[in-house]
C-alpha atoms as a PDB file:
ATOM      1  CA  MET A   1      14.954   0.054  10.622  1.00  0.00           C
ATOM      2  CA  ALA A   2      18.647   0.785  11.019  1.00  0.00           C
ATOM      3  CA  ASP A   3      19.376  -2.370   9.021  1.00  0.00           C
ATOM      4  CA  LEU A   4      17.195  -1.037   6.203  1.00  0.00           C
ATOM      5  CA  ARG A   5      19.161   2.218   6.187  1.00  0.00           C
ATOM      6  CA  GLN A   6      22.438   0.310   6.022  1.00  0.00           C
ATOM      7  CA  SER A   7      21.186  -1.890   3.187  1.00  0.00           C
ATOM      8  CA  ARG A   8      20.021   1.257   1.322  1.00  0.00           C
ATOM      9  CA  PHE A   9      16.358   0.205   1.186  1.00  0.00           C
ATOM     10  CA  ILE A  10      15.604   3.483   2.967  1.00  0.00           C
ATOM     11  CA  LYS A  11      17.386   6.495   1.511  1.00  0.00           C
ATOM     12  CA  ASP A  12      14.966   9.291   2.444  1.00  0.00           C
ATOM     13  CA  ASP A  13      15.163  10.619   6.026  1.00  0.00           C
ATOM     14  CA  MET A  14      11.463  11.488   6.046  1.00  0.00           C
ATOM     15  CA  VAL A  15      10.538   7.911   5.109  1.00  0.00           C
ATOM     16  CA  ALA A  16      12.874   6.577   7.808  1.00  0.00           C
ATOM     17  CA  ASP A  17      11.278   8.883  10.389  1.00  0.00           C
ATOM     18  CA  ALA A  18       7.764   7.831   9.338  1.00  0.00           C
ATOM     19  CA  MET A  19       8.593   4.131   9.654  1.00  0.00           C
ATOM     20  CA  LEU A  20      10.169   4.701  13.056  1.00  0.00           C
ATOM     21  CA  LYS A  21       7.073   6.540  14.312  1.00  0.00           C
ATOM     22  CA  VAL A  22       4.589   3.810  13.342  1.00  0.00           C
ATOM     23  CA  PRO A  23       4.517   0.971  15.925  1.00  0.00           C
ATOM     24  CA  ARG A  24       4.573  -2.018  13.567  1.00  0.00           C
ATOM     25  CA  GLU A  25       3.921  -4.442  16.433  1.00  0.00           C
ATOM     26  CA  GLN A  26       0.446  -2.897  16.775  1.00  0.00           C
ATOM     27  CA  PHE A  27      -0.423  -3.991  13.220  1.00  0.00           C
ATOM     28  CA  VAL A  28       0.246  -7.733  13.489  1.00  0.00           C
ATOM     29  CA  PRO A  29      -1.638 -10.455  15.401  1.00  0.00           C
ATOM     30  CA  ARG A  30      -0.665 -10.617  19.082  1.00  0.00           C
ATOM     31  CA  SER A  31       0.920 -14.042  18.585  1.00  0.00           C
ATOM     32  CA  MET A  32       3.381 -12.544  16.079  1.00  0.00           C
ATOM     33  CA  ARG A  33       4.416  -9.339  17.828  1.00  0.00           C
ATOM     34  CA  GLU A  34       7.904 -10.627  18.623  1.00  0.00           C
ATOM     35  CA  GLU A  35       8.431 -11.024  14.865  1.00  0.00           C
ATOM     36  CA  ALA A  36       6.957  -7.637  13.925  1.00  0.00           C
ATOM     37  CA  TYR A  37      10.289  -6.092  12.872  1.00  0.00           C
ATOM     38  CA  THR A  38      11.615  -9.142  11.025  1.00  0.00           C
ATOM     39  CA  ASP A  39      12.261  -8.083   7.435  1.00  0.00           C
ATOM     40  CA  SER A  40       9.842 -10.554   5.865  1.00  0.00           C
ATOM     41  CA  PRO A  41       6.097 -10.734   5.162  1.00  0.00           C
ATOM     42  CA  LEU A  42       3.972 -11.971   8.084  1.00  0.00           C
ATOM     43  CA  SER A  43       0.582 -13.675   7.973  1.00  0.00           C
ATOM     44  CA  ILE A  44      -2.346 -11.602   9.203  1.00  0.00           C
ATOM     45  CA  GLY A  45      -5.024 -14.214   8.457  1.00  0.00           C
ATOM     46  CA  SER A  46      -7.449 -14.856   5.574  1.00  0.00           C
ATOM     47  CA  GLY A  47      -4.506 -15.769   3.327  1.00  0.00           C
ATOM     48  CA  GLN A  48      -3.142 -12.216   3.489  1.00  0.00           C
ATOM     49  CA  THR A  49       0.143 -10.760   4.730  1.00  0.00           C
ATOM     50  CA  ILE A  50       1.685  -7.563   6.055  1.00  0.00           C
ATOM     51  CA  SER A  51       4.478  -6.637   3.637  1.00  0.00           C
ATOM     52  CA  ALA A  52       8.102  -6.874   4.724  1.00  0.00           C
ATOM     53  CA  PRO A  53       9.479  -3.535   6.001  1.00  0.00           C
ATOM     54  CA  HIS A  54      11.899  -3.249   3.061  1.00  0.00           C
ATOM     55  CA  MET A  55       9.026  -3.520   0.542  1.00  0.00           C
ATOM     56  CA  VAL A  56       7.022  -0.884   2.397  1.00  0.00           C
ATOM     57  CA  ALA A  57      10.099   1.374   2.288  1.00  0.00           C
ATOM     58  CA  ILE A  58      10.591   0.805  -1.447  1.00  0.00           C
ATOM     59  CA  MET A  59       6.964   1.599  -2.288  1.00  0.00           C
ATOM     60  CA  VAL A  60       6.733   4.609   0.008  1.00  0.00           C
ATOM     61  CA  GLU A  61       9.955   6.155  -1.323  1.00  0.00           C
ATOM     62  CA  ALA A  62       8.933   5.557  -4.947  1.00  0.00           C
ATOM     63  CA  SER A  63       5.588   7.254  -4.264  1.00  0.00           C
ATOM     64  CA  GLN A  64       7.341  10.534  -3.379  1.00  0.00           C
ATOM     65  CA  LEU A  65       4.639  11.495  -0.903  1.00  0.00           C
ATOM     66  CA  LYS A  66       4.110  15.076   0.270  1.00  0.00           C
ATOM     67  CA  SER A  67       1.982  16.849   2.852  1.00  0.00           C
ATOM     68  CA  GLY A  68      -1.542  17.375   1.566  1.00  0.00           C
ATOM     69  CA  HIS A  69      -1.540  14.469  -0.877  1.00  0.00           C
ATOM     70  CA  LYS A  70      -4.730  12.486  -1.396  1.00  0.00           C
ATOM     71  CA  VAL A  71      -3.777   8.808  -1.529  1.00  0.00           C
ATOM     72  CA  LEU A  72      -5.576   5.598  -2.469  1.00  0.00           C
ATOM     73  CA  GLU A  73      -4.320   2.241  -1.220  1.00  0.00           C
ATOM     74  CA  ILE A  74      -5.655  -1.053  -2.574  1.00  0.00           C
ATOM     75  CA  GLY A  75      -5.328  -3.841  -0.024  1.00  0.00           C
ATOM     76  CA  ALA A  76      -5.510  -2.397   3.490  1.00  0.00           C
ATOM     77  CA  GLY A  77      -4.289  -5.606   5.116  1.00  0.00           C
ATOM     78  CA  SER A  78      -3.453  -4.706   8.721  1.00  0.00           C
ATOM     79  CA  GLY A  79      -3.415  -0.941   8.104  1.00  0.00           C
ATOM     80  CA  TYR A  80       0.354  -0.622   8.613  1.00  0.00           C
ATOM     81  CA  HIS A  81       1.268   0.679   5.154  1.00  0.00           C
ATOM     82  CA  ALA A  82      -1.536   3.252   5.318  1.00  0.00           C
ATOM     83  CA  ALA A  83      -0.274   4.455   8.708  1.00  0.00           C
ATOM     84  CA  VAL A  84       3.238   5.015   7.321  1.00  0.00           C
ATOM     85  CA  VAL A  85       1.746   6.936   4.396  1.00  0.00           C
ATOM     86  CA  ALA A  86      -0.374   8.990   6.813  1.00  0.00           C
ATOM     87  CA  GLU A  87       2.772  10.172   8.586  1.00  0.00           C
ATOM     88  CA  LEU A  88       4.052  11.573   5.283  1.00  0.00           C
ATOM     89  CA  VAL A  89       0.889  13.258   3.981  1.00  0.00           C
ATOM     90  CA  ARG A  90       0.088  15.074   7.233  1.00  0.00           C
ATOM     91  CA  PRO A  91      -0.948  17.805   7.644  1.00  0.00           C
ATOM     92  CA  GLY A  92      -3.824  18.140   5.214  1.00  0.00           C
ATOM     93  CA  GLY A  93      -3.515  14.792   3.454  1.00  0.00           C
ATOM     94  CA  ARG A  94      -5.952  11.877   3.360  1.00  0.00           C
ATOM     95  CA  VAL A  95      -5.473   8.153   2.847  1.00  0.00           C
ATOM     96  CA  PHE A  96      -8.315   5.977   1.566  1.00  0.00           C
ATOM     97  CA  THR A  97      -7.645   2.253   1.721  1.00  0.00           C
ATOM     98  CA  VAL A  98      -9.871  -0.446   0.212  1.00  0.00           C
ATOM     99  CA  GLU A  99      -9.917  -4.004   1.575  1.00  0.00           C
ATOM    100  CA  ARG A 100     -12.126  -6.775   0.129  1.00  0.00           C
ATOM    101  CA  VAL A 101     -11.984  -9.079   3.204  1.00  0.00           C
ATOM    102  CA  ALA A 102     -14.438  -7.749   5.797  1.00  0.00           C
ATOM    103  CA  SER A 103     -12.611  -9.236   8.799  1.00  0.00           C
ATOM    104  CA  LEU A 104      -9.347  -7.613   7.691  1.00  0.00           C
ATOM    105  CA  ALA A 105     -11.052  -4.271   7.035  1.00  0.00           C
ATOM    106  CA  LYS A 106     -12.198  -4.355  10.678  1.00  0.00           C
ATOM    107  CA  PHE A 107      -8.738  -5.446  11.870  1.00  0.00           C
ATOM    108  CA  ALA A 108      -7.114  -2.606   9.916  1.00  0.00           C
ATOM    109  CA  GLY A 109      -9.670  -0.093  11.162  1.00  0.00           C
ATOM    110  CA  ASP A 110      -9.163  -1.119  14.782  1.00  0.00           C
ATOM    111  CA  ASN A 111      -5.379  -0.840  14.382  1.00  0.00           C
ATOM    112  CA  ILE A 112      -5.602   2.548  12.677  1.00  0.00           C
ATOM    113  CA  ASN A 113      -7.910   3.987  15.337  1.00  0.00           C
ATOM    114  CA  ARG A 114      -5.936   2.550  18.267  1.00  0.00           C
ATOM    115  CA  THR A 115      -2.670   4.057  17.017  1.00  0.00           C
ATOM    116  CA  GLY A 116      -4.112   7.509  16.349  1.00  0.00           C
ATOM    117  CA  TYR A 117      -4.377   7.587  12.547  1.00  0.00           C
ATOM    118  CA  GLY A 118      -8.161   7.570  12.296  1.00  0.00           C
ATOM    119  CA  ASN A 119      -8.351  11.268  11.385  1.00  0.00           C
ATOM    120  CA  THR A 120      -6.176  10.706   8.309  1.00  0.00           C
ATOM    121  CA  VAL A 121      -6.956   7.148   7.181  1.00  0.00           C
ATOM    122  CA  GLN A 122     -10.351   5.839   6.060  1.00  0.00           C
ATOM    123  CA  ILE A 123     -10.929   2.091   5.563  1.00  0.00           C
ATOM    124  CA  ILE A 124     -13.455   0.945   2.932  1.00  0.00           C
ATOM    125  CA  CYS A 125     -14.565  -2.670   2.434  1.00  0.00           C
ATOM    126  CA  GLY A 126     -15.008  -3.479  -1.256  1.00  0.00           C
ATOM    127  CA  ASP A 127     -13.465  -4.465  -4.593  1.00  0.00           C
ATOM    128  CA  GLY A 128     -10.234  -2.470  -4.714  1.00  0.00           C
ATOM    129  CA  SER A 129      -9.619  -3.314  -8.374  1.00  0.00           C
ATOM    130  CA  ASN A 130     -12.333  -0.754  -9.196  1.00  0.00           C
ATOM    131  CA  GLY A 131     -10.559   1.928  -7.180  1.00  0.00           C
ATOM    132  CA  LEU A 132     -12.689   4.519  -5.418  1.00  0.00           C
ATOM    133  CA  PRO A 133     -14.219   6.707  -8.142  1.00  0.00           C
ATOM    134  CA  GLU A 134     -16.317   8.791  -5.754  1.00  0.00           C
ATOM    135  CA  GLU A 135     -13.134  10.186  -4.176  1.00  0.00           C
ATOM    136  CA  ALA A 136     -11.013  10.509  -7.348  1.00  0.00           C
ATOM    137  CA  PRO A 137      -8.690  11.928  -8.506  1.00  0.00           C
ATOM    138  CA  PHE A 138      -5.808  10.809  -6.325  1.00  0.00           C
ATOM    139  CA  ASP A 139      -2.299  12.248  -6.190  1.00  0.00           C
ATOM    140  CA  ARG A 140      -0.902   8.814  -5.383  1.00  0.00           C
ATOM    141  CA  ILE A 141      -2.236   5.266  -5.703  1.00  0.00           C
ATOM    142  CA  PHE A 142      -0.494   2.119  -4.548  1.00  0.00           C
ATOM    143  CA  VAL A 143      -1.587  -1.500  -4.735  1.00  0.00           C
ATOM    144  CA  ALA A 144      -0.447  -3.959  -2.072  1.00  0.00           C
ATOM    145  CA  CYS A 145      -1.405  -7.025  -4.121  1.00  0.00           C
ATOM    146  CA  ALA A 146      -0.515  -8.358  -7.566  1.00  0.00           C
ATOM    147  CA  ALA A 147      -2.577  -7.689 -10.695  1.00  0.00           C
ATOM    148  CA  PRO A 148      -2.380  -9.346 -14.146  1.00  0.00           C
ATOM    149  CA  ASP A 149      -1.920  -5.849 -15.599  1.00  0.00           C
ATOM    150  CA  VAL A 150      -2.250  -2.259 -14.428  1.00  0.00           C
ATOM    151  CA  PRO A 151      -5.992  -1.913 -13.644  1.00  0.00           C
ATOM    152  CA  MET A 152      -7.582   0.616 -15.984  1.00  0.00           C
ATOM    153  CA  PRO A 153      -9.866   2.161 -13.313  1.00  0.00           C
ATOM    154  CA  LEU A 154      -6.815   3.033 -11.220  1.00  0.00           C
ATOM    155  CA  LYS A 155      -5.118   4.750 -14.156  1.00  0.00           C
ATOM    156  CA  ALA A 156      -8.311   6.724 -14.813  1.00  0.00           C
ATOM    157  CA  GLN A 157      -8.501   7.823 -11.158  1.00  0.00           C
ATOM    158  CA  LEU A 158      -4.888   9.053 -11.053  1.00  0.00           C
ATOM    159  CA  ALA A 159      -4.467  12.828 -11.061  1.00  0.00           C
ATOM    160  CA  ASP A 160      -2.345  14.504 -13.725  1.00  0.00           C
ATOM    161  CA  GLY A 161       1.235  14.354 -12.452  1.00  0.00           C
ATOM    162  CA  GLY A 162       0.279  11.520 -10.110  1.00  0.00           C
ATOM    163  CA  ARG A 163       2.104   8.269  -9.375  1.00  0.00           C
ATOM    164  CA  LEU A 164       0.692   4.742  -9.275  1.00  0.00           C
ATOM    165  CA  LEU A 165       2.589   1.726  -7.917  1.00  0.00           C
ATOM    166  CA  VAL A 166       1.334  -1.783  -8.636  1.00  0.00           C
ATOM    167  CA  PRO A 167       2.897  -5.277  -8.706  1.00  0.00           C
ATOM    168  CA  VAL A 168       2.137  -6.891 -12.085  1.00  0.00           C
ATOM    169  CA  GLY A 169       2.659 -10.549 -12.949  1.00  0.00           C
ATOM    170  CA  GLY A 170       1.808 -14.130 -12.052  1.00  0.00           C
ATOM    171  CA  ARG A 171       1.441 -16.128  -8.857  1.00  0.00           C
ATOM    172  CA  TYR A 172       5.065 -16.574  -7.826  1.00  0.00           C
ATOM    173  CA  PHE A 173       6.804 -13.509  -9.234  1.00  0.00           C
ATOM    174  CA  GLN A 174       5.846  -9.989 -10.241  1.00  0.00           C
ATOM    175  CA  LYS A 175       7.417  -6.719 -11.273  1.00  0.00           C
ATOM    176  CA  LEU A 176       6.739  -3.575  -9.269  1.00  0.00           C
ATOM    177  CA  MET A 177       5.562  -1.080 -11.862  1.00  0.00           C
ATOM    178  CA  LEU A 178       5.625   2.692 -11.429  1.00  0.00           C
ATOM    179  CA  VAL A 179       3.083   4.523 -13.593  1.00  0.00           C
ATOM    180  CA  GLU A 180       3.287   8.313 -13.940  1.00  0.00           C
ATOM    181  CA  ARG A 181       0.486  10.267 -15.554  1.00  0.00           C
ATOM    182  CA  LYS A 182       1.310  13.174 -17.838  1.00  0.00           C
ATOM    183  CA  GLY A 183      -1.961  14.455 -19.245  1.00  0.00           C
ATOM    184  CA  SER A 184      -3.403  11.618 -21.306  1.00  0.00           C
ATOM    185  CA  LYS A 185      -0.100   9.710 -21.342  1.00  0.00           C
ATOM    186  CA  PHE A 186       0.980   7.071 -18.829  1.00  0.00           C
ATOM    187  CA  ASN A 187       4.692   6.368 -18.560  1.00  0.00           C
ATOM    188  CA  GLN A 188       5.692   3.047 -16.986  1.00  0.00           C
ATOM    189  CA  GLU A 189       8.920   2.020 -15.261  1.00  0.00           C
ATOM    190  CA  ASP A 190       9.905  -1.412 -13.931  1.00  0.00           C
ATOM    191  CA  LEU A 191      11.249  -1.027 -10.382  1.00  0.00           C
ATOM    192  CA  GLY A 192      12.256  -4.677 -10.002  1.00  0.00           C
ATOM    193  CA  GLY A 193      10.986  -8.040  -8.855  1.00  0.00           C
ATOM    194  CA  CYS A 194       8.606  -8.641  -5.959  1.00  0.00           C
ATOM    195  CA  VAL A 195       6.118 -11.199  -4.631  1.00  0.00           C
ATOM    196  CA  PHE A 196       2.613 -10.231  -3.446  1.00  0.00           C
ATOM    197  CA  VAL A 197      -0.676 -12.012  -2.842  1.00  0.00           C
ATOM    198  CA  PRO A 198      -3.145 -11.644  -5.763  1.00  0.00           C
ATOM    199  CA  LEU A 199      -5.495  -8.726  -6.319  1.00  0.00           C
ATOM    200  CA  ILE A 200      -8.947 -10.332  -6.428  1.00  0.00           C
ATOM    201  CA  GLY A 201     -11.717  -8.482  -8.228  1.00  0.00           C
ATOM    202  CA  GLU A 202     -13.265  -7.326 -11.464  1.00  0.00           C
ATOM    203  CA  HIS A 203      -9.990  -5.819 -12.750  1.00  0.00           C
ATOM    204  CA  GLY A 204      -7.652  -8.236 -10.997  1.00  0.00           C
ATOM    205  CA  TYR A 205      -7.768 -12.009 -10.722  1.00  0.00           C
ATOM    206  CA  ARG A 206     -11.152 -13.690 -10.377  1.00  0.00           C
ATOM    207  CA  THR A 207      -9.925 -16.106  -7.714  1.00  0.00           C
ATOM    208  CA  SER A 208      -6.860 -16.494  -5.482  1.00  0.00           C
ATOM    209  CA  SER A 209      -5.579 -19.294  -7.791  1.00  0.00           C
ATOM    210  CA  MET A 210      -3.798 -17.192 -10.373  1.00  0.00           C
END
């Protein structure tokens, strides 16, 4: 994490502290634990990855999380990103994370419970492109997979003044988009290039071949 501070990926001390508190090695397969802190995505099975630490830092800082925030994550993966977010929204905050792959939802849930975040983070297995309307609105929403455009259900479930982060683009390259809601208006900002696995679902891509 010190390397990320030096490279300016992490600028906020609270984000740095949160990433230091979460044991990343507990969120990767046992065979990959020696590589847990390598600054690159790592396979977690089922064609999915745990994001590189620098990308987690970028998304978490851009979210501007605060204690008490209600957060929706799309793409639970291993549960690592949700655990970092949980550190920042405690006390009083909640993190709901939706994962379409049942085996990964269980993997994420086991990791979250084992590392002590079960009281803050709830894992749901389902189509994340539809969001989680029964728990809306959310102060923050972030998507850990790439969509062809900003999914409309996620915009609708964003609270006034809320922030939504989503990679938008094709298979090999996307732009990380920040969407801020101001009443009925949604302002968008391009935060730069990124590469994520596809968001599969009704408001994402229909298959993994995008």
